[in-house]
Each structure stands twice: as structure tokens, then as C-alpha cells.
Amino acid sequence: RVFRQVHRVLRPECSLLLSLPHPAWALIEPASPDPLRIDHSWFDPDRTNGARGFAELVGGLHRANFRVENVLEPAPAQGPRSPFWSEAMRHVPATIIVRARKQGI
């Protein structure tokens, strides 16, 4: 529903930029003693405390008449730069950035 409302208020051919927690990041516990251990199955319905998979994200954008143009999984900056830093960020992407363009009117 959110994507449909965003589509309604954007001008034609405008972009929507999303920065979200990466779905893979939700599978690990970065603060645990073994931060790279997969904590639970991707296919467990309660797997990610409400996080959505990438297919669900893209499907929702397409249903709302957006065209996905670019997907980025940025590498972390060198070393800790914030209190949210975890060494697991060197191995698992923590963020996914999606740019989609409004189609139609």
C-alpha cells in the first residue's frame, strides 16, 4: 500500500530511492560471540522479525507500477565509524539500496 501511495504522489518518471536493512543481515546476530553464524533459516516464517525478502520488495514495487533500475549492496567503510559497527559488516551486507522509477501517470 505504501508503494501505491508513493506512486500516486510522485510526478511521472520520478525516482524512488530506498535504503533498507539487507535481508541477509537479518539472518545473523552481529552482537553474538560468533557473529557470522546463521542464526535461523531464511525459510522460517518468523525468520527476520518482520524483514522482507528481496523478491517481496521487487514484487511490491512492480505491482505499484515502479521499474527497478538499480540495486546496490554497499561495502562498509574501512573500520568502525559508528556505535552500530560490527565486524560482521566486513562479510555480510548490512544495507541494500534500491532505485525505482515511476511508470505511467
PDB file of N, CA and C in Angstrom:
ATOM      1  N   ARG A   1       0.823  -1.193   0.000  1.00  0.00           N
ATOM      2  CA  ARG A   1       0.000   0.000   0.000  1.00  0.00           C
ATOM      3  C   ARG A   1       0.863   1.251   0.000  1.00  0.00           C
ATOM      4  N   VAL A   2       1.978   1.197   0.702  1.00  0.00           N
ATOM      5  CA  VAL A   2       2.855   2.366   0.751  1.00  0.00           C
ATOM      6  C   VAL A   2       3.376   2.700  -0.639  1.00  0.00           C
ATOM      7  N   PHE A   3       3.805   1.699  -1.389  1.00  0.00           N
ATOM      8  CA  PHE A   3       4.328   1.954  -2.732  1.00  0.00           C
ATOM      9  C   PHE A   3       3.249   2.547  -3.641  1.00  0.00           C
ATOM     10  N   ARG A   4       2.013   2.106  -3.499  1.00  0.00           N
ATOM     11  CA  ARG A   4       0.932   2.675  -4.318  1.00  0.00           C
ATOM     12  C   ARG A   4       0.714   4.149  -3.979  1.00  0.00           C
ATOM     13  N   GLN A   5       0.804   4.487  -2.705  1.00  0.00           N
ATOM     14  CA  GLN A   5       0.625   5.892  -2.312  1.00  0.00           C
ATOM     15  C   GLN A   5       1.794   6.757  -2.786  1.00  0.00           C
ATOM     16  N   VAL A   6       3.001   6.213  -2.699  1.00  0.00           N
ATOM     17  CA  VAL A   6       4.157   6.948  -3.212  1.00  0.00           C
ATOM     18  C   VAL A   6       4.005   7.154  -4.712  1.00  0.00           C
ATOM     19  N   HIS A   7       3.571   6.122  -5.421  1.00  0.00           N
ATOM     20  CA  HIS A   7       3.358   6.226  -6.868  1.00  0.00           C
ATOM     21  C   HIS A   7       2.325   7.316  -7.176  1.00  0.00           C
ATOM     22  N   ARG A   8       1.307   7.411  -6.377  1.00  0.00           N
ATOM     23  CA  ARG A   8       0.245   8.390  -6.589  1.00  0.00           C
ATOM     24  C   ARG A   8       0.766   9.826  -6.501  1.00  0.00           C
ATOM     25  N   VAL A   9       1.690  10.103  -5.572  1.00  0.00           N
ATOM     26  CA  VAL A   9       2.128  11.488  -5.369  1.00  0.00           C
ATOM     27  C   VAL A   9       3.380  11.865  -6.162  1.00  0.00           C
ATOM     28  N   LEU A  10       4.115  10.890  -6.687  1.00  0.00           N
ATOM     29  CA  LEU A  10       5.296  11.224  -7.487  1.00  0.00           C
ATOM     30  C   LEU A  10       4.903  11.696  -8.878  1.00  0.00           C
ATOM     31  N   ARG A  11       5.686  12.597  -9.419  1.00  0.00           N
ATOM     32  CA  ARG A  11       5.490  13.018 -10.806  1.00  0.00           C
ATOM     33  C   ARG A  11       5.912  11.879 -11.729  1.00  0.00           C
ATOM     34  N   PRO A  12       5.382  11.870 -12.956  1.00  0.00           N
ATOM     35  CA  PRO A  12       5.771  10.822 -13.911  1.00  0.00           C
ATOM     36  C   PRO A  12       7.281  10.771 -14.121  1.00  0.00           C
ATOM     37  N   GLU A  13       7.791   9.562 -14.193  1.00  0.00           N
ATOM     38  CA  GLU A  13       9.211   9.271 -14.424  1.00  0.00           C
ATOM     39  C   GLU A  13      10.129   9.699 -13.277  1.00  0.00           C
ATOM     40  N   CYS A  14       9.591  10.050 -12.121  1.00  0.00           N
ATOM     41  CA  CYS A  14      10.428  10.378 -10.960  1.00  0.00           C
ATOM     42  C   CYS A  14      10.941   9.087 -10.314  1.00  0.00           C
ATOM     43  N   SER A  15      12.029   9.221  -9.560  1.00  0.00           N
ATOM     44  CA  SER A  15      12.645   8.063  -8.909  1.00  0.00           C
ATOM     45  C   SER A  15      12.252   7.963  -7.446  1.00  0.00           C
ATOM     46  N   LEU A  16      12.223   6.758  -6.977  1.00  0.00           N
ATOM     47  CA  LEU A  16      12.050   6.444  -5.565  1.00  0.00           C
ATOM     48  C   LEU A  16      13.337   5.768  -5.125  1.00  0.00           C
ATOM     49  N   LEU A  17      13.944   6.253  -4.078  1.00  0.00           N
ATOM     50  CA  LEU A  17      15.192   5.690  -3.564  1.00  0.00           C
ATOM     51  C   LEU A  17      14.922   5.110  -2.183  1.00  0.00           C
ATOM     52  N   LEU A  18      15.228   3.818  -2.016  1.00  0.00           N
ATOM     53  CA  LEU A  18      15.023   3.126  -0.745  1.00  0.00           C
ATOM     54  C   LEU A  18      16.357   2.652  -0.192  1.00  0.00           C
ATOM     55  N   SER A  19      16.583   2.866   1.072  1.00  0.00           N
ATOM     56  CA  SER A  19      17.733   2.307   1.773  1.00  0.00           C
ATOM     57  C   SER A  19      17.172   1.491   2.931  1.00  0.00           C
ATOM     58  N   LEU A  20      17.438   0.184   2.889  1.00  0.00           N
ATOM     59  CA  LEU A  20      16.821  -0.738   3.838  1.00  0.00           C
ATOM     60  C   LEU A  20      17.855  -1.677   4.446  1.00  0.00           C
ATOM     61  N   PRO A  21      17.548  -2.248   5.613  1.00  0.00           N
ATOM     62  CA  PRO A  21      18.417  -3.307   6.120  1.00  0.00           C
ATOM     63  C   PRO A  21      18.428  -4.463   5.124  1.00  0.00           C
ATOM     64  N   HIS A  22      19.589  -4.994   4.852  1.00  0.00           N
ATOM     65  CA  HIS A  22      19.710  -6.094   3.894  1.00  0.00           C
ATOM     66  C   HIS A  22      19.039  -7.340   4.464  1.00  0.00           C
ATOM     67  N   PRO A  23      18.247  -8.055   3.661  1.00  0.00           N
ATOM     68  CA  PRO A  23      17.588  -9.261   4.175  1.00  0.00           C
ATOM     69  C   PRO A  23      18.567 -10.300   4.728  1.00  0.00           C
ATOM     70  N   ALA A  24      19.758 -10.416   4.138  1.00  0.00           N
ATOM     71  CA  ALA A  24      20.744 -11.385   4.632  1.00  0.00           C
ATOM     72  C   ALA A  24      21.249 -10.996   6.019  1.00  0.00           C
ATOM     73  N   TRP A  25      21.302  -9.712   6.291  1.00  0.00           N
ATOM     74  CA  TRP A  25      21.769  -9.234   7.597  1.00  0.00           C
ATOM     75  C   TRP A  25      20.847  -9.711   8.714  1.00  0.00           C
ATOM     76  N   ALA A  26      19.571  -9.868   8.391  1.00  0.00           N
ATOM     77  CA  ALA A  26      18.599 -10.288   9.395  1.00  0.00           C
ATOM     78  C   ALA A  26      18.771 -11.747   9.814  1.00  0.00           C
ATOM     79  N   LEU A  27      19.584 -12.514   9.097  1.00  0.00           N
ATOM     80  CA  LEU A  27      19.776 -13.927   9.430  1.00  0.00           C
ATOM     81  C   LEU A  27      20.850 -14.161  10.482  1.00  0.00           C
ATOM     82  N   ILE A  28      21.647 -13.141  10.758  1.00  0.00           N
ATOM     83  CA  ILE A  28      22.748 -13.312  11.720  1.00  0.00           C
ATOM     84  C   ILE A  28      22.495 -12.461  12.964  1.00  0.00           C
ATOM     85  N   GLU A  29      23.285 -12.726  13.978  1.00  0.00           N
ATOM     86  CA  GLU A  29      23.258 -11.934  15.210  1.00  0.00           C
ATOM     87  C   GLU A  29      24.623 -11.270  15.347  1.00  0.00           C
ATOM     88  N   PRO A  30      24.793 -10.046  14.829  1.00  0.00           N
ATOM     89  CA  PRO A  30      26.118  -9.423  14.798  1.00  0.00           C
ATOM     90  C   PRO A  30      26.733  -9.179  16.173  1.00  0.00           C
ATOM     91  N   ALA A  31      25.939  -9.131  17.223  1.00  0.00           N
ATOM     92  CA  ALA A  31      26.481  -8.891  18.558  1.00  0.00           C
ATOM     93  C   ALA A  31      26.839 -10.184  19.295  1.00  0.00           C
ATOM     94  N   SER A  32      26.592 -11.339  18.694  1.00  0.00           N
ATOM     95  CA  SER A  32      26.865 -12.605  19.359  1.00  0.00           C
ATOM     96  C   SER A  32      28.366 -12.928  19.311  1.00  0.00           C
ATOM     97  N   PRO A  33      28.825 -13.895  20.105  1.00  0.00           N
ATOM     98  CA  PRO A  33      30.242 -14.270  20.070  1.00  0.00           C
ATOM     99  C   PRO A  33      30.698 -14.774  18.699  1.00  0.00           C
ATOM    100  N   ASP A  34      29.812 -15.396  17.948  1.00  0.00           N
ATOM    101  CA  ASP A  34      30.119 -15.842  16.585  1.00  0.00           C
ATOM    102  C   ASP A  34      29.174 -15.102  15.639  1.00  0.00           C
ATOM    103  N   PRO A  35      29.518 -13.862  15.256  1.00  0.00           N
ATOM    104  CA  PRO A  35      28.574 -13.018  14.526  1.00  0.00           C
ATOM    105  C   PRO A  35      28.237 -13.502  13.127  1.00  0.00           C
ATOM    106  N   LEU A  36      29.027 -14.399  12.548  1.00  0.00           N
ATOM    107  CA  LEU A  36      28.745 -14.861  11.197  1.00  0.00           C
ATOM    108  C   LEU A  36      27.939 -16.151  11.157  1.00  0.00           C
ATOM    109  N   ARG A  37      27.613 -16.686  12.312  1.00  0.00           N
ATOM    110  CA  ARG A  37      26.806 -17.899  12.356  1.00  0.00           C
ATOM    111  C   ARG A  37      25.380 -17.552  11.949  1.00  0.00           C
ATOM    112  N   ILE A  38      24.836 -18.322  11.003  1.00  0.00           N
ATOM    113  CA  ILE A  38      23.449 -18.106  10.603  1.00  0.00           C
ATOM    114  C   ILE A  38      22.578 -18.551  11.760  1.00  0.00           C
ATOM    115  N   ASP A  39      21.782 -17.613  12.247  1.00  0.00           N
ATOM    116  CA  ASP A  39      21.014 -17.817  13.462  1.00  0.00           C
ATOM    117  C   ASP A  39      19.718 -18.588  13.231  1.00  0.00           C
ATOM    118  N   HIS A  40      19.127 -18.456  12.058  1.00  0.00           N
ATOM    119  CA  HIS A  40      17.880 -19.153  11.762  1.00  0.00           C
ATOM    120  C   HIS A  40      17.703 -19.287  10.255  1.00  0.00           C
ATOM    121  N   SER A  41      16.772 -20.123   9.844  1.00  0.00           N
ATOM    122  CA  SER A  41      16.547 -20.401   8.429  1.00  0.00           C
ATOM    123  C   SER A  41      15.868 -19.229   7.724  1.00  0.00           C
ATOM    124  N   TRP A  42      16.288 -18.987   6.501  1.00  0.00           N
ATOM    125  CA  TRP A  42      15.642 -17.966   5.670  1.00  0.00           C
ATOM    126  C   TRP A  42      14.171 -18.311   5.449  1.00  0.00           C
ATOM    127  N   PHE A  43      13.850 -19.595   5.418  1.00  0.00           N
ATOM    128  CA  PHE A  43      12.507 -20.048   5.090  1.00  0.00           C
ATOM    129  C   PHE A  43      11.596 -20.163   6.310  1.00  0.00           C
ATOM    130  N   ASP A  44      12.096 -19.865   7.499  1.00  0.00           N
ATOM    131  CA  ASP A  44      11.290 -19.842   8.708  1.00  0.00           C
ATOM    132  C   ASP A  44      10.380 -18.611   8.643  1.00  0.00           C
ATOM    133  N   PRO A  45       9.052 -18.775   8.775  1.00  0.00           N
ATOM    134  CA  PRO A  45       8.157 -17.623   8.657  1.00  0.00           C
ATOM    135  C   PRO A  45       8.465 -16.507   9.659  1.00  0.00           C
ATOM    136  N   ASP A  46       9.016 -16.844  10.810  1.00  0.00           N
ATOM    137  CA  ASP A  46       9.354 -15.837  11.819  1.00  0.00           C
ATOM    138  C   ASP A  46      10.823 -15.448  11.744  1.00  0.00           C
ATOM    139  N   ARG A  47      11.460 -15.661  10.572  1.00  0.00           N
ATOM    140  CA  ARG A  47      12.904 -15.597  10.436  1.00  0.00           C
ATOM    141  C   ARG A  47      13.541 -14.266  10.767  1.00  0.00           C
ATOM    142  N   THR A  48      12.887 -13.171  10.419  1.00  0.00           N
ATOM    143  CA  THR A  48      13.633 -11.919  10.441  1.00  0.00           C
ATOM    144  C   THR A  48      12.907 -10.789  11.153  1.00  0.00           C
ATOM    145  N   ASN A  49      12.084 -11.104  12.089  1.00  0.00           N
ATOM    146  CA  ASN A  49      11.388 -10.074  12.857  1.00  0.00           C
ATOM    147  C   ASN A  49      10.709  -9.038  11.962  1.00  0.00           C
ATOM    148  N   GLY A  50      10.047  -9.496  10.902  1.00  0.00           N
ATOM    149  CA  GLY A  50       9.313  -8.594  10.033  1.00  0.00           C
ATOM    150  C   GLY A  50      10.061  -8.137   8.802  1.00  0.00           C
ATOM    151  N   ALA A  51      11.341  -8.437   8.682  1.00  0.00           N
ATOM    152  CA  ALA A  51      12.075  -8.048   7.479  1.00  0.00           C
ATOM    153  C   ALA A  51      11.537  -8.817   6.288  1.00  0.00           C
ATOM    154  N   ARG A  52      11.538  -8.191   5.133  1.00  0.00           N
ATOM    155  CA  ARG A  52      11.026  -8.806   3.911  1.00  0.00           C
ATOM    156  C   ARG A  52      12.182  -9.273   3.041  1.00  0.00           C
ATOM    157  N   GLY A  53      11.934 -10.289   2.255  1.00  0.00           N
ATOM    158  CA  GLY A  53      12.921 -10.749   1.301  1.00  0.00           C
ATOM    159  C   GLY A  53      12.976  -9.811   0.103  1.00  0.00           C
ATOM    160  N   PHE A  54      14.042  -9.919  -0.670  1.00  0.00           N
ATOM    161  CA  PHE A  54      14.222  -9.052  -1.823  1.00  0.00           C
ATOM    162  C   PHE A  54      13.136  -9.281  -2.866  1.00  0.00           C
ATOM    163  N   ALA A  55      12.738 -10.530  -3.066  1.00  0.00           N
ATOM    164  CA  ALA A  55      11.678 -10.825  -4.036  1.00  0.00           C
ATOM    165  C   ALA A  55      10.374 -10.125  -3.653  1.00  0.00           C
ATOM    166  N   GLU A  56      10.053 -10.082  -2.373  1.00  0.00           N
ATOM    167  CA  GLU A  56       8.845  -9.386  -1.921  1.00  0.00           C
ATOM    168  C   GLU A  56       8.939  -7.884  -2.193  1.00  0.00           C
ATOM    169  N   LEU A  57      10.112  -7.324  -1.973  1.00  0.00           N
ATOM    170  CA  LEU A  57      10.328  -5.895  -2.220  1.00  0.00           C
ATOM    171  C   LEU A  57      10.138  -5.565  -3.701  1.00  0.00           C
ATOM    172  N   VAL A  58      10.803  -6.308  -4.568  1.00  0.00           N
ATOM    173  CA  VAL A  58      10.707  -6.059  -6.007  1.00  0.00           C
ATOM    174  C   VAL A  58       9.279  -6.307  -6.497  1.00  0.00           C
ATOM    175  N   GLY A  59       8.651  -7.360  -6.022  1.00  0.00           N
ATOM    176  CA  GLY A  59       7.266  -7.638  -6.405  1.00  0.00           C
ATOM    177  C   GLY A  59       6.327  -6.509  -6.022  1.00  0.00           C
ATOM    178  N   GLY A  60       6.494  -5.976  -4.825  1.00  0.00           N
ATOM    179  CA  GLY A  60       5.664  -4.854  -4.381  1.00  0.00           C
ATOM    180  C   GLY A  60       5.873  -3.610  -5.227  1.00  0.00           C
ATOM    181  N   LEU A  61       7.119  -3.354  -5.603  1.00  0.00           N
ATOM    182  CA  LEU A  61       7.401  -2.203  -6.470  1.00  0.00           C
ATOM    183  C   LEU A  61       6.757  -2.392  -7.844  1.00  0.00           C
ATOM    184  N   HIS A  62       6.874  -3.583  -8.404  1.00  0.00           N
ATOM    185  CA  HIS A  62       6.280  -3.840  -9.717  1.00  0.00           C
ATOM    186  C   HIS A  62       4.758  -3.738  -9.675  1.00  0.00           C
ATOM    187  N   ARG A  63       4.139  -4.276  -8.645  1.00  0.00           N
ATOM    188  CA  ARG A  63       2.680  -4.191  -8.526  1.00  0.00           C
ATOM    189  C   ARG A  63       2.209  -2.745  -8.420  1.00  0.00           C
ATOM    190  N   ALA A  64       3.037  -1.870  -7.837  1.00  0.00           N
ATOM    191  CA  ALA A  64       2.689  -0.448  -7.714  1.00  0.00           C
ATOM    192  C   ALA A  64       3.109   0.347  -8.950  1.00  0.00           C
ATOM    193  N   ASN A  65       3.573  -0.342  -9.994  1.00  0.00           N
ATOM    194  CA  ASN A  65       3.944   0.267 -11.265  1.00  0.00           C
ATOM    195  C   ASN A  65       5.247   1.075 -11.188  1.00  0.00           C
ATOM    196  N   PHE A  66       6.245   0.518 -10.488  1.00  0.00           N
ATOM    197  CA  PHE A  66       7.601   1.054 -10.485  1.00  0.00           C
ATOM    198  C   PHE A  66       8.497   0.091 -11.257  1.00  0.00           C
ATOM    199  N   ARG A  67       9.515   0.627 -11.897  1.00  0.00           N
ATOM    200  CA  ARG A  67      10.529  -0.186 -12.574  1.00  0.00           C
ATOM    201  C   ARG A  67      11.821  -0.085 -11.768  1.00  0.00           C
ATOM    202  N   VAL A  68      12.336  -1.201 -11.291  1.00  0.00           N
ATOM    203  CA  VAL A  68      13.590  -1.210 -10.539  1.00  0.00           C
ATOM    204  C   VAL A  68      14.732  -0.949 -11.517  1.00  0.00           C
ATOM    205  N   GLU A  69      15.508   0.092 -11.240  1.00  0.00           N
ATOM    206  CA  GLU A  69      16.605   0.488 -12.134  1.00  0.00           C
ATOM    207  C   GLU A  69      17.977   0.114 -11.610  1.00  0.00           C
ATOM    208  N   ASN A  70      18.128   0.119 -10.309  1.00  0.00           N
ATOM    209  CA  ASN A  70      19.451  -0.116  -9.751  1.00  0.00           C
ATOM    210  C   ASN A  70      19.324  -0.708  -8.351  1.00  0.00           C
ATOM    211  N   VAL A  71      20.225  -1.626  -8.036  1.00  0.00           N
ATOM    212  CA  VAL A  71      20.297  -2.225  -6.703  1.00  0.00           C
ATOM    213  C   VAL A  71      21.750  -2.191  -6.276  1.00  0.00           C
ATOM    214  N   LEU A  72      22.012  -1.646  -5.100  1.00  0.00           N
ATOM    215  CA  LEU A  72      23.369  -1.574  -4.563  1.00  0.00           C
ATOM    216  C   LEU A  72      23.425  -2.271  -3.214  1.00  0.00           C
ATOM    217  N   GLU A  73      24.539  -2.954  -2.973  1.00  0.00           N
ATOM    218  CA  GLU A  73      24.825  -3.547  -1.670  1.00  0.00           C
ATOM    219  C   GLU A  73      26.181  -2.977  -1.255  1.00  0.00           C
ATOM    220  N   PRO A  74      26.191  -1.770  -0.694  1.00  0.00           N
ATOM    221  CA  PRO A  74      27.461  -1.085  -0.456  1.00  0.00           C
ATOM    222  C   PRO A  74      28.352  -1.804   0.554  1.00  0.00           C
ATOM    223  N   ALA A  75      29.637  -1.788   0.239  1.00  0.00           N
ATOM    224  CA  ALA A  75      30.634  -2.312   1.176  1.00  0.00           C
ATOM    225  C   ALA A  75      30.808  -1.291   2.298  1.00  0.00           C
ATOM    226  N   PRO A  76      31.171  -1.754   3.480  1.00  0.00           N
ATOM    227  CA  PRO A  76      31.339  -0.813   4.588  1.00  0.00           C
ATOM    228  C   PRO A  76      32.590   0.032   4.414  1.00  0.00           C
ATOM    229  N   ALA A  77      32.578   1.172   5.071  1.00  0.00           N
ATOM    230  CA  ALA A  77      33.790   1.986   5.137  1.00  0.00           C
ATOM    231  C   ALA A  77      34.825   1.218   5.946  1.00  0.00           C
ATOM    232  N   GLN A  78      36.070   1.551   5.769  1.00  0.00           N
ATOM    233  CA  GLN A  78      37.141   0.864   6.495  1.00  0.00           C
ATOM    234  C   GLN A  78      37.045   1.152   7.988  1.00  0.00           C
ATOM    235  N   GLY A  79      36.859   0.125   8.772  1.00  0.00           N
ATOM    236  CA  GLY A  79      36.878   0.245  10.221  1.00  0.00           C
ATOM    237  C   GLY A  79      35.604   0.826  10.805  1.00  0.00           C
ATOM    238  N   PRO A  80      35.489   0.756  12.124  1.00  0.00           N
ATOM    239  CA  PRO A  80      34.295   1.247  12.803  1.00  0.00           C
ATOM    240  C   PRO A  80      34.177   2.771  12.697  1.00  0.00           C
ATOM    241  N   ARG A  81      32.986   3.232  12.341  1.00  0.00           N
ATOM    242  CA  ARG A  81      32.743   4.672  12.249  1.00  0.00           C
ATOM    243  C   ARG A  81      31.523   5.085  13.054  1.00  0.00           C
ATOM    244  N   SER A  82      30.851   4.130  13.650  1.00  0.00           N
ATOM    245  CA  SER A  82      29.671   4.468  14.437  1.00  0.00           C
ATOM    246  C   SER A  82      29.477   3.400  15.512  1.00  0.00           C
ATOM    247  N   PRO A  83      28.622   3.684  16.480  1.00  0.00           N
ATOM    248  CA  PRO A  83      28.350   2.677  17.514  1.00  0.00           C
ATOM    249  C   PRO A  83      27.599   1.462  16.968  1.00  0.00           C
ATOM    250  N   PHE A  84      27.096   1.539  15.741  1.00  0.00           N
ATOM    251  CA  PHE A  84      26.364   0.432  15.134  1.00  0.00           C
ATOM    252  C   PHE A  84      27.275  -0.523  14.373  1.00  0.00           C
ATOM    253  N   TRP A  85      28.564  -0.236  14.343  1.00  0.00           N
ATOM    254  CA  TRP A  85      29.522  -1.053  13.606  1.00  0.00           C
ATOM    255  C   TRP A  85      29.616  -2.455  14.186  1.00  0.00           C
ATOM    256  N   SER A  86      29.770  -3.434  13.312  1.00  0.00           N
ATOM    257  CA  SER A  86      30.026  -4.815  13.708  1.00  0.00           C
ATOM    258  C   SER A  86      31.039  -5.394  12.729  1.00  0.00           C
ATOM    259  N   GLU A  87      31.924  -6.238  13.202  1.00  0.00           N
ATOM    260  CA  GLU A  87      32.894  -6.888  12.321  1.00  0.00           C
ATOM    261  C   GLU A  87      32.194  -7.737  11.261  1.00  0.00           C
ATOM    262  N   ALA A  88      30.978  -8.181  11.545  1.00  0.00           N
ATOM    263  CA  ALA A  88      30.226  -8.963  10.570  1.00  0.00           C
ATOM    264  C   ALA A  88      29.962  -8.163   9.294  1.00  0.00           C
ATOM    265  N   MET A  89      29.985  -6.840   9.396  1.00  0.00           N
ATOM    266  CA  MET A  89      29.749  -5.991   8.221  1.00  0.00           C
ATOM    267  C   MET A  89      30.828  -6.151   7.158  1.00  0.00           C
ATOM    268  N   ARG A  90      31.966  -6.665   7.538  1.00  0.00           N
ATOM    269  CA  ARG A  90      33.031  -6.914   6.561  1.00  0.00           C
ATOM    270  C   ARG A  90      32.703  -8.111   5.661  1.00  0.00           C
ATOM    271  N   HIS A  91      31.729  -8.933   6.071  1.00  0.00           N
ATOM    272  CA  HIS A  91      31.428 -10.182   5.371  1.00  0.00           C
ATOM    273  C   HIS A  91      29.997 -10.289   4.856  1.00  0.00           C
ATOM    274  N   VAL A  92      29.065  -9.598   5.502  1.00  0.00           N
ATOM    275  CA  VAL A  92      27.650  -9.680   5.145  1.00  0.00           C
ATOM    276  C   VAL A  92      27.136  -8.256   4.930  1.00  0.00           C
ATOM    277  N   PRO A  93      26.489  -7.978   3.789  1.00  0.00           N
ATOM    278  CA  PRO A  93      25.991  -6.615   3.579  1.00  0.00           C
ATOM    279  C   PRO A  93      24.901  -6.266   4.591  1.00  0.00           C
ATOM    280  N   ALA A  94      25.019  -5.104   5.189  1.00  0.00           N
ATOM    281  CA  ALA A  94      24.042  -4.668   6.182  1.00  0.00           C
ATOM    282  C   ALA A  94      22.935  -3.823   5.562  1.00  0.00           C
ATOM    283  N   THR A  95      23.191  -3.256   4.394  1.00  0.00           N
ATOM    284  CA  THR A  95      22.251  -2.331   3.762  1.00  0.00           C
ATOM    285  C   THR A  95      22.047  -2.695   2.305  1.00  0.00           C
ATOM    286  N   ILE A  96      20.845  -2.496   1.828  1.00  0.00           N
ATOM    287  CA  ILE A  96      20.555  -2.626   0.411  1.00  0.00           C
ATOM    288  C   ILE A  96      19.889  -1.319  -0.030  1.00  0.00           C
ATOM    289  N   ILE A  97      20.309  -0.811  -1.175  1.00  0.00           N
ATOM    290  CA  ILE A  97      19.763   0.442  -1.710  1.00  0.00           C
ATOM    291  C   ILE A  97      19.137   0.127  -3.060  1.00  0.00           C
ATOM    292  N   VAL A  98      17.897   0.552  -3.234  1.00  0.00           N
ATOM    293  CA  VAL A  98      17.143   0.272  -4.450  1.00  0.00           C
ATOM    294  C   VAL A  98      16.649   1.597  -5.030  1.00  0.00           C
ATOM    295  N   ARG A  99      16.879   1.764  -6.334  1.00  0.00           N
ATOM    296  CA  ARG A  99      16.299   2.911  -7.038  1.00  0.00           C
ATOM    297  C   ARG A  99      15.280   2.382  -8.041  1.00  0.00           C
ATOM    298  N   ALA A 100      14.054   2.900  -7.946  1.00  0.00           N
ATOM    299  CA  ALA A 100      12.981   2.510  -8.843  1.00  0.00           C
ATOM    300  C   ALA A 100      12.369   3.766  -9.453  1.00  0.00           C
ATOM    301  N   ARG A 101      11.898   3.641 -10.681  1.00  0.00           N
ATOM    302  CA  ARG A 101      11.304   4.780 -11.389  1.00  0.00           C
ATOM    303  C   ARG A 101       9.816   4.551 -11.588  1.00  0.00           C
ATOM    304  N   LYS A 102       9.043   5.624 -11.332  1.00  0.00           N
ATOM    305  CA  LYS A 102       7.602   5.569 -11.525  1.00  0.00           C
ATOM    306  C   LYS A 102       7.294   5.383 -13.002  1.00  0.00           C
ATOM    307  N   GLN A 103       6.405   4.437 -13.289  1.00  0.00           N
ATOM    308  CA  GLN A 103       5.922   4.206 -14.647  1.00  0.00           C
ATOM    309  C   GLN A 103       4.483   4.699 -14.746  1.00  0.00           C
ATOM    310  N   GLY A 104       4.073   5.162 -15.890  1.00  0.00           N
ATOM    311  CA  GLY A 104       2.693   5.598 -16.083  1.00  0.00           C
ATOM    312  C   GLY A 104       2.442   6.959 -15.455  1.00  0.00           C
ATOM    313  N   ILE A 105       1.153   7.265 -15.311  1.00  0.00           N
ATOM    314  CA  ILE A 105       0.776   8.578 -14.760  1.00  0.00           C
ATOM    315  C   ILE A 105       0.173   8.425 -13.389  1.00  0.00           C
TER     316      ILE A 105
END
